[in-house]
Amino acid sequence: MAPQVLREDQDGLAILTLNRPEALNALSPTLFVELRAHIDAIAASPESIGCVILCGKGRSFSAGNDLKAIQAGEVAPSRHFQAETLEAIEALPQPVIAAVQGHCYTGSLELVLACDLTVAADDARFADTHGKWGMSPTWGMSQRLPRRVGLLKARELMFSGRVVGGQEAAEIGLANRCVPAAQLMEQTIAMARGFLANSWFTLRADKMLINRGLSHTLSEGLRFERSESPGRGPDLEERLKEFGR
């Protein structure tokens, strides 16, 4: 059986590709097990991997949770394995960019929300369809979506289940930008390369300070930054020398 998640490393960039195009990359328990193994390996490699792209093969990023696999009796290793895998993505020291084309519904939207940034193709379609099936979120929708797009917009999207296109996603802050579908990976890789040109030490510090700071009030967060900022990186002197040339 072909791997359900592919990994390709390119000079400090790890590209993870959901590899079930025949099923619109539906999120089966087996896919999550493979994804988690890659995430854990990348987490242990901060000096060789500086940025991560998560994408889907074929015409859709992912149609969402694989209900057929669940009906067939496929189960994850533990009750909250999928939600904990999303937390592992969020906790990666490296920035993670989701590249989204086609469908990105419910569970796959929750997967994207665990990433730091999103580039949407102009054919992307985002939706939270929990209400369509009489389900309630357990993978983080109710917590991450309001933090991404604001409380009022999150309520509307969750209560209505309506589909948001790529351009609107960029307008409401669900995605960083909307690009032509044919340029999705090219532009996402260009974004990642721009990050990788900066200090990886600073990338990791920025992500840690932002993510952990969000659990504090503003005044507490300011104190947290002063006390927990890692300070100067090991590449500071070399970068200053390059700046002076």
Foldseek 3Di string as FASTA:
>chain_A
DDQQWDWDDDQQEIEIEREDVVQLSADALSNLVVLLVVLVVQLVPLPRHAEYEYAYPDQWRHQYHDVVNVVVPGDHPDDCSLLVSLVSQLPRLHAYEYQTGDEQEARNLLSRLSGDAYEYEQRYKYAYCCVVVVHDDDNQLVPSVCVQQNDVVSVVRNVPRDIDGRCVCCVRRVHVYYHHPVCRVVVVVVVVVVVVVDDSLVNSQVSVLVVVLVVDDPVVSVVCCVVPRPPDDPCVVVVVVVVVD
